[in-house]
Amino acid sequence: MIAELTEQVAWQAAASVPDPEVPCVTVAELGILRQVSMEDGVAVAKVTPTYSGCPATLAIELSIEAALRDAGFEARIDRVLSPAWTTDWITAEGREKLRAFGIAPPVTGSGKAALFASPDVCCPRCGSVRTIRISEFGSTACKAHYQCQSCAEPFDYFKCI
């Protein structure tokens, strides 16, 4: 019972870390924090980057380690590359937070889109599907830049991976 409680406290500390590139969501809501377990008194966080070249990976790992230490744990981060992260791992809460922040969440239900594919993306501001892709790459490599044809607002779309 105490061990489970300790793991829950460690999970909560690690799970509260915001993503540095998309600070409206936590690493848990993005699904990149896969597990936190206790091993010989050390809180071990297993983290999968959104993609192998993500420039925020080290910053995320250091932030999770700091959050665990701030919560009173000795900490270790294990980077887990397999299975590879997928946007399917973003929680419902994470998707809603992205939308509220002005980022269209990944389109689901139609399978994985190929690079440079054009899914039907809803505007996160007005909900219209009358949107066009302006650029395959938005403010980060994992997002594309779109514009709504109904409300004329530009926005980022979190690509389906």
N, C-alpha and C. Protein backbone atom coordinates (compact mmCIF):
# COMPACT_ATOMS: atom_id res chain seq x y z
N MET A 1 0.83 -1.20 0.00
CA MET A 1 0.00 0.00 0.00
C MET A 1 0.87 1.26 0.00
N ILE A 2 1.88 1.31 0.86
CA ILE A 2 2.77 2.46 0.93
C ILE A 2 3.54 2.60 -0.38
N ALA A 3 3.99 1.48 -0.94
CA ALA A 3 4.74 1.52 -2.20
C ALA A 3 3.87 2.07 -3.32
N GLU A 4 2.60 1.65 -3.38
CA GLU A 4 1.68 2.15 -4.41
C GLU A 4 1.45 3.64 -4.25
N LEU A 5 1.30 4.06 -2.99
CA LEU A 5 1.10 5.49 -2.72
C LEU A 5 2.32 6.30 -3.13
N THR A 6 3.50 5.76 -2.85
CA THR A 6 4.75 6.43 -3.22
C THR A 6 4.84 6.57 -4.73
N GLU A 7 4.50 5.51 -5.45
CA GLU A 7 4.53 5.58 -6.91
C GLU A 7 3.51 6.59 -7.44
N GLN A 8 2.34 6.65 -6.79
CA GLN A 8 1.33 7.63 -7.21
C GLN A 8 1.83 9.05 -7.02
N VAL A 9 2.49 9.31 -5.90
CA VAL A 9 3.04 10.65 -5.64
C VAL A 9 4.11 10.98 -6.67
N ALA A 10 4.97 10.02 -6.97
CA ALA A 10 6.01 10.23 -7.98
C ALA A 10 5.39 10.47 -9.36
N TRP A 11 4.37 9.67 -9.71
CA TRP A 11 3.68 9.86 -10.99
C TRP A 11 3.10 11.27 -11.07
N GLN A 12 2.40 11.69 -10.02
CA GLN A 12 1.78 13.01 -10.03
C GLN A 12 2.80 14.12 -10.19
N ALA A 13 3.94 13.98 -9.55
CA ALA A 13 5.00 14.99 -9.68
C ALA A 13 5.50 15.05 -11.13
N ALA A 14 5.80 13.90 -11.70
CA ALA A 14 6.30 13.85 -13.07
C ALA A 14 5.23 14.27 -14.08
N ALA A 15 4.01 13.82 -13.84
CA ALA A 15 2.91 14.08 -14.77
C ALA A 15 2.52 15.55 -14.83
N SER A 16 2.90 16.33 -13.84
CA SER A 16 2.53 17.75 -13.82
C SER A 16 3.43 18.63 -14.67
N VAL A 17 4.49 18.07 -15.21
CA VAL A 17 5.46 18.85 -15.99
C VAL A 17 4.85 19.28 -17.33
N PRO A 18 4.85 20.58 -17.63
CA PRO A 18 4.32 21.02 -18.92
C PRO A 18 5.31 20.74 -20.06
N ASP A 19 4.78 20.54 -21.24
CA ASP A 19 5.63 20.40 -22.42
C ASP A 19 6.23 21.78 -22.71
N PRO A 20 7.54 21.89 -22.91
CA PRO A 20 8.14 23.22 -23.12
C PRO A 20 7.75 23.88 -24.44
N GLU A 21 7.39 23.09 -25.45
CA GLU A 21 7.00 23.67 -26.73
C GLU A 21 5.50 23.93 -26.82
N VAL A 22 4.72 23.18 -26.07
CA VAL A 22 3.27 23.35 -26.06
C VAL A 22 2.85 23.36 -24.58
N PRO A 23 3.07 24.47 -23.89
CA PRO A 23 2.92 24.49 -22.43
C PRO A 23 1.50 24.35 -21.90
N CYS A 24 0.52 24.31 -22.77
CA CYS A 24 -0.87 24.12 -22.31
C CYS A 24 -1.14 22.68 -21.93
N VAL A 25 -0.26 21.76 -22.30
CA VAL A 25 -0.45 20.35 -21.97
C VAL A 25 0.76 19.82 -21.19
N THR A 26 0.50 18.81 -20.37
CA THR A 26 1.58 18.19 -19.61
C THR A 26 2.16 17.02 -20.40
N VAL A 27 3.30 16.55 -19.92
CA VAL A 27 3.92 15.41 -20.57
C VAL A 27 3.05 14.15 -20.45
N ALA A 28 2.24 14.08 -19.39
CA ALA A 28 1.32 12.95 -19.25
C ALA A 28 0.18 13.07 -20.24
N GLU A 29 -0.37 14.27 -20.41
CA GLU A 29 -1.48 14.46 -21.36
C GLU A 29 -1.03 14.23 -22.79
N LEU A 30 0.24 14.53 -23.09
CA LEU A 30 0.77 14.23 -24.43
C LEU A 30 1.04 12.74 -24.61
N GLY A 31 1.12 12.02 -23.50
CA GLY A 31 1.37 10.59 -23.59
C GLY A 31 2.84 10.23 -23.69
N ILE A 32 3.73 11.20 -23.49
CA ILE A 32 5.16 10.88 -23.58
C ILE A 32 5.73 10.38 -22.26
N LEU A 33 5.04 10.67 -21.15
CA LEU A 33 5.40 10.07 -19.86
C LEU A 33 4.68 8.73 -19.80
N ARG A 34 5.44 7.66 -19.91
CA ARG A 34 4.82 6.34 -20.03
C ARG A 34 4.62 5.64 -18.70
N GLN A 35 5.53 5.85 -17.78
CA GLN A 35 5.45 5.13 -16.52
C GLN A 35 6.37 5.79 -15.51
N VAL A 36 6.00 5.71 -14.24
CA VAL A 36 6.89 6.07 -13.15
C VAL A 36 6.82 4.93 -12.15
N SER A 37 7.97 4.36 -11.85
CA SER A 37 8.01 3.24 -10.90
C SER A 37 9.14 3.49 -9.90
N MET A 38 9.06 2.80 -8.79
CA MET A 38 10.10 2.88 -7.78
C MET A 38 11.00 1.66 -7.91
N GLU A 39 12.29 1.91 -8.05
CA GLU A 39 13.28 0.83 -8.16
C GLU A 39 14.39 1.11 -7.16
N ASP A 40 14.46 0.30 -6.11
CA ASP A 40 15.47 0.46 -5.06
C ASP A 40 15.51 1.89 -4.52
N GLY A 41 14.33 2.46 -4.27
CA GLY A 41 14.24 3.80 -3.69
C GLY A 41 14.40 4.94 -4.68
N VAL A 42 14.53 4.63 -5.96
CA VAL A 42 14.70 5.64 -7.00
C VAL A 42 13.43 5.71 -7.84
N ALA A 43 12.92 6.92 -8.05
CA ALA A 43 11.77 7.10 -8.94
C ALA A 43 12.29 7.09 -10.37
N VAL A 44 11.86 6.10 -11.13
CA VAL A 44 12.31 5.94 -12.51
C VAL A 44 11.16 6.30 -13.45
N ALA A 45 11.38 7.35 -14.22
CA ALA A 45 10.37 7.80 -15.18
C ALA A 45 10.76 7.32 -16.57
N LYS A 46 9.83 6.66 -17.23
CA LYS A 46 10.06 6.21 -18.60
C LYS A 46 9.37 7.21 -19.53
N VAL A 47 10.17 7.75 -20.45
CA VAL A 47 9.72 8.84 -21.31
C VAL A 47 10.01 8.47 -22.76
N THR A 48 9.01 8.69 -23.62
CA THR A 48 9.18 8.47 -25.06
C THR A 48 9.04 9.81 -25.77
N PRO A 49 10.09 10.27 -26.45
CA PRO A 49 9.96 11.55 -27.18
C PRO A 49 8.94 11.44 -28.31
N THR A 50 8.39 12.59 -28.69
CA THR A 50 7.41 12.59 -29.77
C THR A 50 8.02 12.11 -31.08
N TYR A 51 9.28 12.41 -31.29
CA TYR A 51 10.03 11.84 -32.41
C TYR A 51 11.50 11.90 -32.05
N SER A 52 12.32 11.09 -32.68
CA SER A 52 13.72 10.94 -32.25
C SER A 52 14.53 12.22 -32.35
N GLY A 53 14.16 13.13 -33.21
CA GLY A 53 14.90 14.37 -33.36
C GLY A 53 14.30 15.56 -32.62
N CYS A 54 13.34 15.32 -31.73
CA CYS A 54 12.67 16.41 -31.04
C CYS A 54 13.69 17.21 -30.23
N PRO A 55 13.81 18.51 -30.49
CA PRO A 55 14.80 19.32 -29.78
C PRO A 55 14.46 19.55 -28.31
N ALA A 56 13.24 19.26 -27.91
CA ALA A 56 12.83 19.48 -26.52
C ALA A 56 13.04 18.25 -25.63
N THR A 57 13.50 17.14 -26.19
CA THR A 57 13.60 15.89 -25.44
C THR A 57 14.42 16.05 -24.16
N LEU A 58 15.61 16.59 -24.26
CA LEU A 58 16.46 16.73 -23.08
C LEU A 58 15.85 17.69 -22.07
N ALA A 59 15.27 18.78 -22.54
CA ALA A 59 14.62 19.73 -21.62
C ALA A 59 13.46 19.07 -20.88
N ILE A 60 12.70 18.24 -21.58
CA ILE A 60 11.59 17.52 -20.95
C ILE A 60 12.11 16.56 -19.89
N GLU A 61 13.12 15.78 -20.25
CA GLU A 61 13.68 14.82 -19.30
C GLU A 61 14.24 15.52 -18.06
N LEU A 62 14.95 16.62 -18.25
CA LEU A 62 15.50 17.37 -17.11
C LEU A 62 14.39 17.97 -16.24
N SER A 63 13.31 18.42 -16.87
CA SER A 63 12.18 18.98 -16.12
C SER A 63 11.47 17.90 -15.29
N ILE A 64 11.32 16.72 -15.86
CA ILE A 64 10.71 15.61 -15.12
C ILE A 64 11.61 15.22 -13.95
N GLU A 65 12.90 15.12 -14.21
CA GLU A 65 13.84 14.78 -13.14
C GLU A 65 13.78 15.82 -12.02
N ALA A 66 13.75 17.10 -12.37
CA ALA A 66 13.67 18.17 -11.37
C ALA A 66 12.37 18.10 -10.58
N ALA A 67 11.26 17.81 -11.26
CA ALA A 67 9.97 17.70 -10.57
C ALA A 67 9.98 16.55 -9.56
N LEU A 68 10.60 15.45 -9.94
CA LEU A 68 10.69 14.31 -9.02
C LEU A 68 11.59 14.65 -7.83
N ARG A 69 12.71 15.30 -8.09
CA ARG A 69 13.62 15.70 -6.99
C ARG A 69 12.93 16.71 -6.07
N ASP A 70 12.20 17.67 -6.66
CA ASP A 70 11.47 18.66 -5.86
C ASP A 70 10.41 17.99 -4.97
N ALA A 71 9.90 16.84 -5.41
CA ALA A 71 8.91 16.10 -4.63
C ALA A 71 9.58 15.18 -3.60
N GLY A 72 10.91 15.23 -3.53
CA GLY A 72 11.63 14.47 -2.52
C GLY A 72 12.16 13.12 -2.97
N PHE A 73 12.17 12.86 -4.26
CA PHE A 73 12.63 11.57 -4.77
C PHE A 73 14.02 11.68 -5.37
N GLU A 74 14.78 10.60 -5.23
CA GLU A 74 15.96 10.43 -6.05
C GLU A 74 15.38 10.01 -7.40
N ALA A 75 15.91 10.54 -8.50
CA ALA A 75 15.24 10.33 -9.79
C ALA A 75 16.18 9.83 -10.87
N ARG A 76 15.59 9.07 -11.79
CA ARG A 76 16.30 8.63 -13.00
C ARG A 76 15.29 8.66 -14.14
N ILE A 77 15.76 9.07 -15.30
CA ILE A 77 14.92 9.10 -16.50
C ILE A 77 15.43 8.04 -17.46
N ASP A 78 14.54 7.18 -17.91
CA ASP A 78 14.86 6.20 -18.95
C ASP A 78 14.14 6.61 -20.22
N ARG A 79 14.90 6.87 -21.27
CA ARG A 79 14.30 7.20 -22.57
C ARG A 79 13.92 5.89 -23.26
N VAL A 80 12.66 5.78 -23.64
CA VAL A 80 12.13 4.57 -24.27
C VAL A 80 11.75 4.92 -25.70
N LEU A 81 12.38 4.26 -26.66
CA LEU A 81 12.15 4.58 -28.07
C LEU A 81 11.21 3.60 -28.77
N SER A 82 10.93 2.48 -28.13
CA SER A 82 10.08 1.48 -28.76
C SER A 82 9.05 0.99 -27.75
N PRO A 83 7.79 0.97 -28.10
CA PRO A 83 7.25 1.45 -29.38
C PRO A 83 7.35 2.96 -29.47
N ALA A 84 7.41 3.42 -30.71
CA ALA A 84 7.50 4.86 -30.96
C ALA A 84 6.21 5.55 -30.53
N TRP A 85 6.36 6.78 -30.06
CA TRP A 85 5.21 7.59 -29.66
C TRP A 85 4.30 7.83 -30.85
N THR A 86 3.02 7.93 -30.58
CA THR A 86 2.03 8.24 -31.60
C THR A 86 1.05 9.25 -31.03
N THR A 87 0.46 10.05 -31.88
CA THR A 87 -0.52 11.03 -31.41
C THR A 87 -1.75 10.35 -30.81
N ASP A 88 -1.92 9.05 -31.03
CA ASP A 88 -3.00 8.30 -30.39
C ASP A 88 -2.85 8.32 -28.87
N TRP A 89 -1.63 8.56 -28.38
CA TRP A 89 -1.36 8.56 -26.94
C TRP A 89 -1.77 9.87 -26.26
N ILE A 90 -2.11 10.89 -27.04
CA ILE A 90 -2.56 12.15 -26.43
C ILE A 90 -3.92 11.89 -25.79
N THR A 91 -4.07 12.26 -24.53
CA THR A 91 -5.32 12.01 -23.82
C THR A 91 -6.43 12.92 -24.33
N ALA A 92 -7.67 12.56 -24.01
CA ALA A 92 -8.81 13.41 -24.37
C ALA A 92 -8.66 14.79 -23.74
N GLU A 93 -8.19 14.84 -22.50
CA GLU A 93 -7.96 16.12 -21.83
C GLU A 93 -6.90 16.93 -22.56
N GLY A 94 -5.85 16.24 -23.00
CA GLY A 94 -4.78 16.90 -23.74
C GLY A 94 -5.28 17.48 -25.06
N ARG A 95 -6.11 16.72 -25.76
CA ARG A 95 -6.67 17.20 -27.03
C ARG A 95 -7.54 18.43 -26.81
N GLU A 96 -8.34 18.41 -25.75
CA GLU A 96 -9.19 19.57 -25.46
C GLU A 96 -8.35 20.78 -25.07
N LYS A 97 -7.28 20.56 -24.32
CA LYS A 97 -6.40 21.67 -23.93
C LYS A 97 -5.70 22.26 -25.15
N LEU A 98 -5.29 21.41 -26.09
CA LEU A 98 -4.69 21.92 -27.33
C LEU A 98 -5.69 22.81 -28.06
N ARG A 99 -6.91 22.31 -28.21
CA ARG A 99 -7.96 23.06 -28.91
C ARG A 99 -8.21 24.41 -28.22
N ALA A 100 -8.34 24.41 -26.91
CA ALA A 100 -8.60 25.64 -26.16
C ALA A 100 -7.44 26.61 -26.27
N PHE A 101 -6.23 26.10 -26.47
CA PHE A 101 -5.02 26.92 -26.61
C PHE A 101 -4.89 27.49 -28.03
N GLY A 102 -5.73 26.99 -28.95
CA GLY A 102 -5.69 27.47 -30.33
C GLY A 102 -4.93 26.58 -31.29
N ILE A 103 -4.62 25.35 -30.86
CA ILE A 103 -3.93 24.37 -31.70
C ILE A 103 -4.93 23.27 -32.02
N ALA A 104 -5.15 23.00 -33.30
CA ALA A 104 -6.05 21.91 -33.68
C ALA A 104 -5.38 20.59 -33.33
N PRO A 105 -6.07 19.74 -32.56
CA PRO A 105 -5.48 18.43 -32.22
C PRO A 105 -5.44 17.52 -33.43
N PRO A 106 -4.63 16.46 -33.37
CA PRO A 106 -4.52 15.55 -34.51
C PRO A 106 -5.87 14.96 -34.89
N VAL A 107 -6.09 14.83 -36.18
CA VAL A 107 -7.31 14.21 -36.68
C VAL A 107 -7.22 12.72 -36.41
N THR A 108 -8.27 12.16 -35.84
CA THR A 108 -8.29 10.73 -35.55
C THR A 108 -9.40 10.06 -36.34
N GLY A 109 -9.34 8.74 -36.40
CA GLY A 109 -10.40 7.98 -37.03
C GLY A 109 -10.19 7.67 -38.50
N SER A 110 -9.18 8.29 -39.11
CA SER A 110 -8.96 8.03 -40.53
C SER A 110 -7.62 7.34 -40.78
N GLY A 111 -7.02 6.79 -39.74
CA GLY A 111 -5.72 6.15 -39.89
C GLY A 111 -4.63 7.20 -39.91
N LYS A 112 -3.41 6.77 -39.97
CA LYS A 112 -2.28 7.69 -39.97
C LYS A 112 -2.17 8.37 -41.33
N ALA A 113 -1.98 9.68 -41.29
CA ALA A 113 -1.82 10.44 -42.52
C ALA A 113 -0.36 10.42 -42.93
N ALA A 114 -0.12 10.33 -44.19
CA ALA A 114 1.24 10.39 -44.70
C ALA A 114 1.74 11.83 -44.63
N LEU A 115 3.05 11.98 -44.57
CA LEU A 115 3.64 13.32 -44.59
C LEU A 115 3.12 14.05 -45.82
N PHE A 116 2.75 15.28 -45.65
CA PHE A 116 2.21 16.16 -46.68
C PHE A 116 0.78 15.80 -47.09
N ALA A 117 0.11 14.91 -46.35
CA ALA A 117 -1.30 14.63 -46.59
C ALA A 117 -2.12 15.79 -46.05
N SER A 118 -3.33 15.97 -46.53
CA SER A 118 -4.20 17.06 -46.08
C SER A 118 -5.46 16.53 -45.42
N PRO A 119 -5.41 16.30 -44.11
CA PRO A 119 -6.63 15.84 -43.42
C PRO A 119 -7.63 16.98 -43.31
N ASP A 120 -8.88 16.65 -43.02
CA ASP A 120 -9.90 17.67 -42.78
C ASP A 120 -9.72 18.17 -41.35
N VAL A 121 -9.10 19.34 -41.22
CA VAL A 121 -8.76 19.90 -39.92
C VAL A 121 -9.79 20.95 -39.52
N CYS A 122 -10.34 20.80 -38.32
CA CYS A 122 -11.30 21.78 -37.80
C CYS A 122 -10.56 22.96 -37.18
N CYS A 123 -11.07 24.15 -37.42
CA CYS A 123 -10.51 25.35 -36.81
C CYS A 123 -10.74 25.26 -35.29
N PRO A 124 -9.68 25.44 -34.48
CA PRO A 124 -9.86 25.36 -33.03
C PRO A 124 -10.60 26.56 -32.45
N ARG A 125 -10.77 27.60 -33.24
CA ARG A 125 -11.45 28.81 -32.76
C ARG A 125 -12.96 28.78 -33.04
N CYS A 126 -13.32 28.45 -34.30
CA CYS A 126 -14.76 28.51 -34.65
C CYS A 126 -15.35 27.14 -34.98
N GLY A 127 -14.51 26.11 -35.13
CA GLY A 127 -15.01 24.76 -35.40
C GLY A 127 -15.25 24.45 -36.86
N SER A 128 -15.03 25.40 -37.75
CA SER A 128 -15.26 25.18 -39.17
C SER A 128 -14.26 24.16 -39.74
N VAL A 129 -14.72 23.38 -40.73
CA VAL A 129 -13.82 22.48 -41.44
C VAL A 129 -13.33 23.12 -42.74
N ARG A 130 -13.74 24.36 -42.97
CA ARG A 130 -13.27 25.09 -44.15
C ARG A 130 -11.90 25.69 -43.84
N THR A 131 -10.88 24.83 -43.84
CA THR A 131 -9.52 25.26 -43.52
C THR A 131 -8.58 24.85 -44.63
N ILE A 132 -7.48 25.57 -44.74
CA ILE A 132 -6.46 25.23 -45.73
C ILE A 132 -5.09 25.23 -45.06
N ARG A 133 -4.25 24.32 -45.54
CA ARG A 133 -2.88 24.26 -45.02
C ARG A 133 -2.07 25.35 -45.71
N ILE A 134 -1.42 26.17 -44.90
CA ILE A 134 -0.56 27.23 -45.42
C ILE A 134 0.87 26.72 -45.57
N SER A 135 1.31 25.93 -44.60
CA SER A 135 2.67 25.40 -44.60
C SER A 135 2.67 24.05 -43.90
N GLU A 136 3.44 23.12 -44.40
CA GLU A 136 3.55 21.80 -43.77
C GLU A 136 4.19 21.90 -42.39
N PHE A 137 4.95 22.97 -42.15
CA PHE A 137 5.61 23.13 -40.86
C PHE A 137 5.17 24.42 -40.20
N GLY A 138 4.72 24.28 -38.95
CA GLY A 138 4.26 25.43 -38.17
C GLY A 138 5.34 25.88 -37.20
N SER A 139 4.94 26.25 -35.99
CA SER A 139 5.89 26.78 -35.02
C SER A 139 6.87 25.72 -34.52
N THR A 140 6.54 24.45 -34.67
CA THR A 140 7.47 23.35 -34.41
C THR A 140 7.28 22.33 -35.53
N ALA A 141 8.24 21.41 -35.65
CA ALA A 141 8.20 20.43 -36.74
C ALA A 141 7.00 19.50 -36.65
N CYS A 142 6.44 19.31 -35.45
CA CYS A 142 5.30 18.39 -35.29
C CYS A 142 3.97 19.07 -35.57
N LYS A 143 4.01 20.34 -35.99
CA LYS A 143 2.77 21.05 -36.29
C LYS A 143 2.83 21.62 -37.70
N ALA A 144 1.67 21.72 -38.35
CA ALA A 144 1.54 22.38 -39.65
C ALA A 144 0.76 23.68 -39.42
N HIS A 145 0.92 24.63 -40.32
CA HIS A 145 0.24 25.92 -40.18
C HIS A 145 -0.97 25.95 -41.12
N TYR A 146 -2.12 26.27 -40.56
CA TYR A 146 -3.38 26.31 -41.30
C TYR A 146 -4.02 27.69 -41.17
N GLN A 147 -5.02 27.94 -42.03
CA GLN A 147 -5.85 29.12 -41.89
C GLN A 147 -7.30 28.72 -42.11
N CYS A 148 -8.17 29.28 -41.29
CA CYS A 148 -9.60 29.02 -41.40
C CYS A 148 -10.19 29.94 -42.47
N GLN A 149 -10.97 29.37 -43.36
CA GLN A 149 -11.62 30.15 -44.41
C GLN A 149 -12.92 30.79 -43.91
N SER A 150 -13.42 30.34 -42.76
CA SER A 150 -14.65 30.91 -42.20
C SER A 150 -14.36 32.13 -41.34
N CYS A 151 -13.42 31.99 -40.37
CA CYS A 151 -13.14 33.12 -39.47
C CYS A 151 -11.83 33.82 -39.83
N ALA A 152 -11.09 33.31 -40.81
CA ALA A 152 -9.86 33.88 -41.33
C ALA A 152 -8.67 33.82 -40.36
N GLU A 153 -8.83 33.12 -39.25
CA GLU A 153 -7.74 33.03 -38.27
C GLU A 153 -6.72 31.97 -38.67
N PRO A 154 -5.44 32.29 -38.51
CA PRO A 154 -4.39 31.27 -38.69
C PRO A 154 -4.28 30.43 -37.42
N PHE A 155 -3.83 29.20 -37.56
CA PHE A 155 -3.64 28.34 -36.39
C PHE A 155 -2.70 27.19 -36.74
N ASP A 156 -2.15 26.59 -35.70
CA ASP A 156 -1.32 25.40 -35.86
C ASP A 156 -2.19 24.16 -35.74
N TYR A 157 -1.80 23.12 -36.47
CA TYR A 157 -2.43 21.81 -36.40
C TYR A 157 -1.36 20.82 -35.93
N PHE A 158 -1.62 20.10 -34.85
CA PHE A 158 -0.70 19.09 -34.34
C PHE A 158 -0.84 17.88 -35.25
N LYS A 159 0.20 17.60 -36.04
CA LYS A 159 0.15 16.54 -37.04
C LYS A 159 -0.09 15.17 -36.44
N CYS A 160 -0.79 14.35 -37.19
CA CYS A 160 -1.04 12.97 -36.80
C CYS A 160 0.22 12.15 -37.09
N ILE A 161 0.72 11.50 -36.07
CA ILE A 161 1.94 10.70 -36.22
C ILE A 161 1.64 9.28 -35.79
